[in-house]
Amino acid sequence: MRLSQALEDYLKVIYVLEADGEKATTTAIAQALDVSNASVTNMLKKLAGMNLIVHESYKGAELSPAGKKVALEILRHHRLLELYLKEVMGYSWDEVHDEAEKLEHHISEQFEDRIAELLNHPTHDPHGDPIPSKDGVMPEKATLALHDAELNTLYVVGRVKDQNPELLRYLEKQGVLPGVELTIVEKAPFDGPVAISLAGQVLSIGFAIAQDIFLIQPNQQ
């Protein structure tokens, strides 16, 4: 059964919320998709009726195995497209998310396979988000937020949240990109900025931004 783009978007958002350790509540889904709570409620009832989610009022939605399979397939399309747009077509990393959103529902499995082969079967997209494998296995993702990391310890930028193009442009200008090594040299109290040493310079990263940058240990690359 072929699902509508809207249904696929809901399943993808629920998966991402669950993967980030958040509950897929009506409000959280509405904010992610920029729709009304009433629209979310109606759509969740539809998805539950199709056995793609389990939904209880006030407890949020959880994907069923069938719903998770669909979500992983759409995420695979999206993240492969992001990497293809950047590496092959020359898009910047702040542009690829919106373009991939438009294309992810329309590519065939054959096209997906060709992209994966062309890119040598990548495991992560330009922002460091993991790309599900063809059989639905999700690689590990960076989960240690910059503001939670230890002082004077060498880390590698593993992942940056990709929803804010302006933030991505700012971080690129500062050199804060996936794969770059950094050390935290100071953390101001009371949700103050984090000072990092990167490429021989010290940068100050605001607390809000530090929540969207995730690190890994060098041996995890």
C-alpha atoms as a PDB file:
ATOM      1  CA  MET A   1       0.000   0.000   0.000  1.00  0.00           C
ATOM      2  CA  ARG A   2       1.388   3.363  -1.049  1.00  0.00           C
ATOM      3  CA  LEU A   3       1.203   5.990   1.703  1.00  0.00           C
ATOM      4  CA  SER A   4       0.674   9.692   1.143  1.00  0.00           C
ATOM      5  CA  GLN A   5       3.582  12.100   1.625  1.00  0.00           C
ATOM      6  CA  ALA A   6       1.864  13.519   4.706  1.00  0.00           C
ATOM      7  CA  LEU A   7       1.604  10.105   6.355  1.00  0.00           C
ATOM      8  CA  GLU A   8       5.254   9.367   5.609  1.00  0.00           C
ATOM      9  CA  ASP A   9       6.254  12.733   7.088  1.00  0.00           C
ATOM     10  CA  TYR A  10       4.399  11.935  10.300  1.00  0.00           C
ATOM     11  CA  LEU A  11       6.096   8.561  10.634  1.00  0.00           C
ATOM     12  CA  LYS A  12       9.503  10.117  10.008  1.00  0.00           C
ATOM     13  CA  VAL A  13       8.953  12.824  12.618  1.00  0.00           C
ATOM     14  CA  ILE A  14       7.767  10.308  15.207  1.00  0.00           C
ATOM     15  CA  TYR A  15      10.893   8.218  14.581  1.00  0.00           C
ATOM     16  CA  VAL A  16      13.207  11.236  14.925  1.00  0.00           C
ATOM     17  CA  LEU A  17      11.531  12.331  18.164  1.00  0.00           C
ATOM     18  CA  GLU A  18      11.831   8.811  19.602  1.00  0.00           C
ATOM     19  CA  ALA A  19      15.475   8.574  18.494  1.00  0.00           C
ATOM     20  CA  ASP A  20      16.232  11.866  20.267  1.00  0.00           C
ATOM     21  CA  GLY A  21      14.725  10.497  23.468  1.00  0.00           C
ATOM     22  CA  GLU A  22      11.617  12.666  23.275  1.00  0.00           C
ATOM     23  CA  LYS A  23       7.992  11.612  23.457  1.00  0.00           C
ATOM     24  CA  ALA A  24       6.092  11.967  20.199  1.00  0.00           C
ATOM     25  CA  THR A  25       3.308  13.990  21.752  1.00  0.00           C
ATOM     26  CA  THR A  26       0.678  15.823  19.756  1.00  0.00           C
ATOM     27  CA  THR A  27       2.342  19.142  20.546  1.00  0.00           C
ATOM     28  CA  ALA A  28       5.865  17.946  19.666  1.00  0.00           C
ATOM     29  CA  ILE A  29       4.687  16.562  16.327  1.00  0.00           C
ATOM     30  CA  ALA A  30       2.700  19.726  15.578  1.00  0.00           C
ATOM     31  CA  GLN A  31       5.762  21.891  16.236  1.00  0.00           C
ATOM     32  CA  ALA A  32       8.012  19.694  14.096  1.00  0.00           C
ATOM     33  CA  LEU A  33       5.615  19.732  11.146  1.00  0.00           C
ATOM     34  CA  ASP A  34       4.281  23.269  11.665  1.00  0.00           C
ATOM     35  CA  VAL A  35       0.668  22.144  11.739  1.00  0.00           C
ATOM     36  CA  SER A  36      -2.167  22.452  14.255  1.00  0.00           C
ATOM     37  CA  ASN A  37      -2.678  20.087  17.160  1.00  0.00           C
ATOM     38  CA  ALA A  38      -6.094  19.205  15.741  1.00  0.00           C
ATOM     39  CA  SER A  39      -4.502  18.126  12.443  1.00  0.00           C
ATOM     40  CA  VAL A  40      -2.015  15.942  14.333  1.00  0.00           C
ATOM     41  CA  THR A  41      -4.782  14.306  16.367  1.00  0.00           C
ATOM     42  CA  ASN A  42      -6.708  13.392  13.226  1.00  0.00           C
ATOM     43  CA  MET A  43      -3.624  12.040  11.492  1.00  0.00           C
ATOM     44  CA  LEU A  44      -2.560   9.967  14.484  1.00  0.00           C
ATOM     45  CA  LYS A  45      -5.977   8.334  14.564  1.00  0.00           C
ATOM     46  CA  LYS A  46      -5.561   7.474  10.886  1.00  0.00           C
ATOM     47  CA  LEU A  47      -2.072   6.033  11.408  1.00  0.00           C
ATOM     48  CA  ALA A  48      -3.271   4.010  14.389  1.00  0.00           C
ATOM     49  CA  GLY A  49      -6.117   2.619  12.292  1.00  0.00           C
ATOM     50  CA  MET A  50      -3.543   1.505   9.718  1.00  0.00           C
ATOM     51  CA  ASN A  51      -1.504  -0.220  12.471  1.00  0.00           C
ATOM     52  CA  LEU A  52       1.482   2.031  11.774  1.00  0.00           C
ATOM     53  CA  ILE A  53       1.577   3.528  15.263  1.00  0.00           C
ATOM     54  CA  VAL A  54       0.340   2.802  18.758  1.00  0.00           C
ATOM     55  CA  HIS A  55      -1.337   5.892  20.164  1.00  0.00           C
ATOM     56  CA  GLU A  56      -2.842   6.604  23.555  1.00  0.00           C
ATOM     57  CA  SER A  57      -4.270  10.004  24.434  1.00  0.00           C
ATOM     58  CA  TYR A  58      -1.862  12.116  26.521  1.00  0.00           C
ATOM     59  CA  LYS A  59       0.894   9.501  26.209  1.00  0.00           C
ATOM     60  CA  GLY A  60       2.113  10.227  22.696  1.00  0.00           C
ATOM     61  CA  ALA A  61       2.593   8.000  19.675  1.00  0.00           C
ATOM     62  CA  GLU A  62       4.978   5.083  19.213  1.00  0.00           C
ATOM     63  CA  LEU A  63       5.816   3.449  15.910  1.00  0.00           C
ATOM     64  CA  SER A  64       4.733  -0.109  15.257  1.00  0.00           C
ATOM     65  CA  PRO A  65       7.254  -2.359  13.477  1.00  0.00           C
ATOM     66  CA  ALA A  66       5.500  -1.595  10.180  1.00  0.00           C
ATOM     67  CA  GLY A  67       5.573   2.141  10.888  1.00  0.00           C
ATOM     68  CA  LYS A  68       9.237   2.037  11.836  1.00  0.00           C
ATOM     69  CA  LYS A  69      10.075   0.290   8.567  1.00  0.00           C
ATOM     70  CA  VAL A  70       8.433   3.076   6.570  1.00  0.00           C
ATOM     71  CA  ALA A  71      10.112   5.793   8.662  1.00  0.00           C
ATOM     72  CA  LEU A  72      13.567   4.269   8.187  1.00  0.00           C
ATOM     73  CA  GLU A  73      13.064   4.026   4.439  1.00  0.00           C
ATOM     74  CA  ILE A  74      12.090   7.694   4.177  1.00  0.00           C
ATOM     75  CA  LEU A  75      15.022   8.695   6.389  1.00  0.00           C
ATOM     76  CA  ARG A  76      17.346   6.661   4.169  1.00  0.00           C
ATOM     77  CA  HIS A  77      16.046   8.482   1.090  1.00  0.00           C
ATOM     78  CA  HIS A  78      16.366  11.859   2.797  1.00  0.00           C
ATOM     79  CA  ARG A  79      19.881  11.441   4.129  1.00  0.00           C
ATOM     80  CA  LEU A  80      21.259   9.826   0.988  1.00  0.00           C
ATOM     81  CA  LEU A  81      19.793  12.698  -1.016  1.00  0.00           C
ATOM     82  CA  GLU A  82      21.383  15.244   1.314  1.00  0.00           C
ATOM     83  CA  LEU A  83      24.795  13.695   0.787  1.00  0.00           C
ATOM     84  CA  TYR A  84      24.267  13.374  -2.969  1.00  0.00           C
ATOM     85  CA  LEU A  85      23.215  17.016  -3.230  1.00  0.00           C
ATOM     86  CA  LYS A  86      26.305  18.147  -1.346  1.00  0.00           C
ATOM     87  CA  GLU A  87      28.977  15.823  -2.713  1.00  0.00           C
ATOM     88  CA  VAL A  88      27.829  15.487  -6.324  1.00  0.00           C
ATOM     89  CA  MET A  89      25.723  18.565  -7.064  1.00  0.00           C
ATOM     90  CA  GLY A  90      27.657  21.104  -5.032  1.00  0.00           C
ATOM     91  CA  TYR A  91      24.950  22.242  -2.638  1.00  0.00           C
ATOM     92  CA  SER A  92      26.109  23.688   0.678  1.00  0.00           C
ATOM     93  CA  TRP A  93      25.239  21.799   3.857  1.00  0.00           C
ATOM     94  CA  ASP A  94      22.713  24.471   4.865  1.00  0.00           C
ATOM     95  CA  GLU A  95      20.748  23.967   1.619  1.00  0.00           C
ATOM     96  CA  VAL A  96      20.430  20.211   1.366  1.00  0.00           C
ATOM     97  CA  HIS A  97      17.781  19.581   4.045  1.00  0.00           C
ATOM     98  CA  ASP A  98      15.011  21.530   2.335  1.00  0.00           C
ATOM     99  CA  GLU A  99      15.850  20.106  -1.096  1.00  0.00           C
ATOM    100  CA  ALA A 100      15.885  16.548   0.235  1.00  0.00           C
ATOM    101  CA  GLU A 101      12.502  17.154   1.889  1.00  0.00           C
ATOM    102  CA  LYS A 102      11.042  17.852  -1.552  1.00  0.00           C
ATOM    103  CA  LEU A 103      12.612  14.809  -3.216  1.00  0.00           C
ATOM    104  CA  GLU A 104      12.562  12.061  -0.570  1.00  0.00           C
ATOM    105  CA  HIS A 105       9.061  10.803  -1.381  1.00  0.00           C
ATOM    106  CA  HIS A 106       9.612  10.544  -5.116  1.00  0.00           C
ATOM    107  CA  ILE A 107      12.752   8.497  -5.750  1.00  0.00           C
ATOM    108  CA  SER A 108      12.535   4.829  -6.680  1.00  0.00           C
ATOM    109  CA  GLU A 109      14.353   2.013  -4.926  1.00  0.00           C
ATOM    110  CA  GLN A 110      16.575   1.689  -7.981  1.00  0.00           C
ATOM    111  CA  PHE A 111      17.498   5.384  -7.758  1.00  0.00           C
ATOM    112  CA  GLU A 112      18.203   5.003  -4.050  1.00  0.00           C
ATOM    113  CA  ASP A 113      20.496   2.044  -4.771  1.00  0.00           C
ATOM    114  CA  ARG A 114      22.350   4.002  -7.464  1.00  0.00           C
ATOM    115  CA  ILE A 115      22.948   6.931  -5.118  1.00  0.00           C
ATOM    116  CA  ALA A 116      24.205   4.632  -2.370  1.00  0.00           C
ATOM    117  CA  GLU A 117      26.568   2.886  -4.784  1.00  0.00           C
ATOM    118  CA  LEU A 118      27.823   6.168  -6.227  1.00  0.00           C
ATOM    119  CA  LEU A 119      28.578   7.456  -2.725  1.00  0.00           C
ATOM    120  CA  ASN A 120      30.244   4.161  -1.704  1.00  0.00           C
ATOM    121  CA  HIS A 121      27.438   3.160   0.675  1.00  0.00           C
ATOM    122  CA  PRO A 122      27.824   5.973   3.220  1.00  0.00           C
ATOM    123  CA  THR A 123      26.785   5.662   6.857  1.00  0.00           C
ATOM    124  CA  HIS A 124      26.232   9.362   7.708  1.00  0.00           C
ATOM    125  CA  ASP A 125      24.848  12.437   5.958  1.00  0.00           C
ATOM    126  CA  PRO A 126      26.561  15.876   5.706  1.00  0.00           C
ATOM    127  CA  HIS A 127      25.347  16.872   9.178  1.00  0.00           C
ATOM    128  CA  GLY A 128      26.552  13.640  10.800  1.00  0.00           C
ATOM    129  CA  ASP A 129      23.115  12.023  11.066  1.00  0.00           C
ATOM    130  CA  PRO A 130      23.229   8.246  10.514  1.00  0.00           C
ATOM    131  CA  ILE A 131      21.860   6.799   7.279  1.00  0.00           C
ATOM    132  CA  PRO A 132      19.786   3.629   7.764  1.00  0.00           C
ATOM    133  CA  SER A 133      21.085   0.658   5.809  1.00  0.00           C
ATOM    134  CA  LYS A 134      19.061  -0.967   3.050  1.00  0.00           C
ATOM    135  CA  ASP A 135      17.780  -3.562   5.523  1.00  0.00           C
ATOM    136  CA  GLY A 136      16.804  -0.971   8.132  1.00  0.00           C
ATOM    137  CA  VAL A 137      19.790  -1.051  10.475  1.00  0.00           C
ATOM    138  CA  MET A 138      20.561   2.383  11.923  1.00  0.00           C
ATOM    139  CA  PRO A 139      24.248   3.181  12.569  1.00  0.00           C
ATOM    140  CA  GLU A 140      25.270   4.758  15.854  1.00  0.00           C
ATOM    141  CA  LYS A 141      24.837   8.491  16.167  1.00  0.00           C
ATOM    142  CA  ALA A 142      26.612  11.073  18.285  1.00  0.00           C
ATOM    143  CA  THR A 143      24.550  11.834  21.398  1.00  0.00           C
ATOM    144  CA  LEU A 144      26.942  13.738  23.691  1.00  0.00           C
ATOM    145  CA  ALA A 145      25.954  17.419  23.498  1.00  0.00           C
ATOM    146  CA  LEU A 146      28.809  19.913  23.489  1.00  0.00           C
ATOM    147  CA  HIS A 147      27.632  21.584  26.707  1.00  0.00           C
ATOM    148  CA  ASP A 148      27.685  18.201  28.515  1.00  0.00           C
ATOM    149  CA  ALA A 149      31.198  17.164  27.447  1.00  0.00           C
ATOM    150  CA  GLU A 150      34.255  17.128  29.716  1.00  0.00           C
ATOM    151  CA  LEU A 151      36.818  19.908  29.905  1.00  0.00           C
ATOM    152  CA  ASN A 152      40.284  19.447  28.375  1.00  0.00           C
ATOM    153  CA  THR A 153      39.338  16.264  26.524  1.00  0.00           C
ATOM    154  CA  LEU A 154      39.811  15.794  22.791  1.00  0.00           C
ATOM    155  CA  TYR A 155      36.551  15.236  20.916  1.00  0.00           C
ATOM    156  CA  VAL A 156      35.405  15.090  17.317  1.00  0.00           C
ATOM    157  CA  VAL A 157      32.267  16.822  16.078  1.00  0.00           C
ATOM    158  CA  GLY A 158      29.973  13.941  15.215  1.00  0.00           C
ATOM    159  CA  ARG A 159      26.656  15.572  14.396  1.00  0.00           C
ATOM    160  CA  VAL A 160      24.966  18.952  14.101  1.00  0.00           C
ATOM    161  CA  LYS A 161      21.196  19.415  14.080  1.00  0.00           C
ATOM    162  CA  ASP A 162      20.275  20.444  10.564  1.00  0.00           C
ATOM    163  CA  GLN A 163      16.943  22.263  10.777  1.00  0.00           C
ATOM    164  CA  ASN A 164      18.354  25.806  11.026  1.00  0.00           C
ATOM    165  CA  PRO A 165      20.215  26.932   7.871  1.00  0.00           C
ATOM    166  CA  GLU A 166      21.380  30.137   9.538  1.00  0.00           C
ATOM    167  CA  LEU A 167      22.990  28.146  12.358  1.00  0.00           C
ATOM    168  CA  LEU A 168      24.689  25.836   9.853  1.00  0.00           C
ATOM    169  CA  ARG A 169      26.123  28.782   7.939  1.00  0.00           C
ATOM    170  CA  TYR A 170      27.429  30.284  11.191  1.00  0.00           C
ATOM    171  CA  LEU A 171      29.037  27.029  12.315  1.00  0.00           C
ATOM    172  CA  GLU A 172      30.638  26.474   8.916  1.00  0.00           C
ATOM    173  CA  LYS A 173      32.150  29.946   9.075  1.00  0.00           C
ATOM    174  CA  GLN A 174      33.568  29.070  12.512  1.00  0.00           C
ATOM    175  CA  GLY A 175      34.903  25.738  11.245  1.00  0.00           C
ATOM    176  CA  VAL A 176      32.614  23.664  13.491  1.00  0.00           C
ATOM    177  CA  LEU A 177      31.866  20.786  11.124  1.00  0.00           C
ATOM    178  CA  PRO A 178      31.484  17.001  11.457  1.00  0.00           C
ATOM    179  CA  GLY A 179      34.892  15.356  11.626  1.00  0.00           C
ATOM    180  CA  VAL A 180      36.672  18.385  13.148  1.00  0.00           C
ATOM    181  CA  GLU A 181      38.580  17.901  16.409  1.00  0.00           C
ATOM    182  CA  LEU A 182      38.024  20.253  19.350  1.00  0.00           C
ATOM    183  CA  THR A 183      38.660  20.602  23.060  1.00  0.00           C
ATOM    184  CA  ILE A 184      36.456  22.351  25.605  1.00  0.00           C
ATOM    185  CA  VAL A 185      38.554  24.785  27.598  1.00  0.00           C
ATOM    186  CA  GLU A 186      35.921  26.533  29.714  1.00  0.00           C
ATOM    187  CA  LYS A 187      32.203  26.354  30.565  1.00  0.00           C
ATOM    188  CA  ALA A 188      30.534  29.400  32.012  1.00  0.00           C
ATOM    189  CA  PRO A 189      28.026  28.676  34.802  1.00  0.00           C
ATOM    190  CA  PHE A 190      24.268  29.243  34.650  1.00  0.00           C
ATOM    191  CA  ASP A 191      23.866  28.139  31.036  1.00  0.00           C
ATOM    192  CA  GLY A 192      26.591  30.470  29.871  1.00  0.00           C
ATOM    193  CA  PRO A 193      28.746  30.036  26.755  1.00  0.00           C
ATOM    194  CA  VAL A 194      31.197  27.202  26.157  1.00  0.00           C
ATOM    195  CA  ALA A 195      34.748  28.071  25.087  1.00  0.00           C
ATOM    196  CA  ILE A 196      36.307  25.577  22.675  1.00  0.00           C
ATOM    197  CA  SER A 197      39.756  25.238  21.182  1.00  0.00           C
ATOM    198  CA  LEU A 198      39.576  24.393  17.495  1.00  0.00           C
ATOM    199  CA  ALA A 199      42.234  24.636  14.761  1.00  0.00           C
ATOM    200  CA  GLY A 200      44.496  26.750  16.951  1.00  0.00           C
ATOM    201  CA  GLN A 201      41.868  29.289  17.972  1.00  0.00           C
ATOM    202  CA  VAL A 202      39.470  29.655  20.884  1.00  0.00           C
ATOM    203  CA  LEU A 203      35.794  30.175  20.061  1.00  0.00           C
ATOM    204  CA  SER A 204      32.865  31.011  22.301  1.00  0.00           C
ATOM    205  CA  ILE A 205      29.747  28.943  21.591  1.00  0.00           C
ATOM    206  CA  GLY A 206      26.445  30.024  23.143  1.00  0.00           C
ATOM    207  CA  PHE A 207      24.616  27.547  25.355  1.00  0.00           C
ATOM    208  CA  ALA A 208      21.653  27.189  22.977  1.00  0.00           C
ATOM    209  CA  ILE A 209      23.974  26.394  20.071  1.00  0.00           C
ATOM    210  CA  ALA A 210      26.000  23.998  22.220  1.00  0.00           C
ATOM    211  CA  GLN A 211      22.814  21.938  22.660  1.00  0.00           C
ATOM    212  CA  ASP A 212      22.702  21.285  18.902  1.00  0.00           C
ATOM    213  CA  ILE A 213      26.315  20.101  18.479  1.00  0.00           C
ATOM    214  CA  PHE A 214      27.083  16.481  19.366  1.00  0.00           C
ATOM    215  CA  LEU A 215      30.496  14.949  19.944  1.00  0.00           C
ATOM    216  CA  ILE A 216      32.218  11.595  19.763  1.00  0.00           C
ATOM    217  CA  GLN A 217      35.580  10.330  20.980  1.00  0.00           C
ATOM    218  CA  PRO A 218      38.303  10.237  18.295  1.00  0.00           C
ATOM    219  CA  ASN A 219      38.409   6.409  18.418  1.00  0.00           C
ATOM    220  CA  GLN A 220      34.699   6.244  17.515  1.00  0.00           C
ATOM    221  CA  GLN A 221      35.231   7.628  14.016  1.00  0.00           C
END
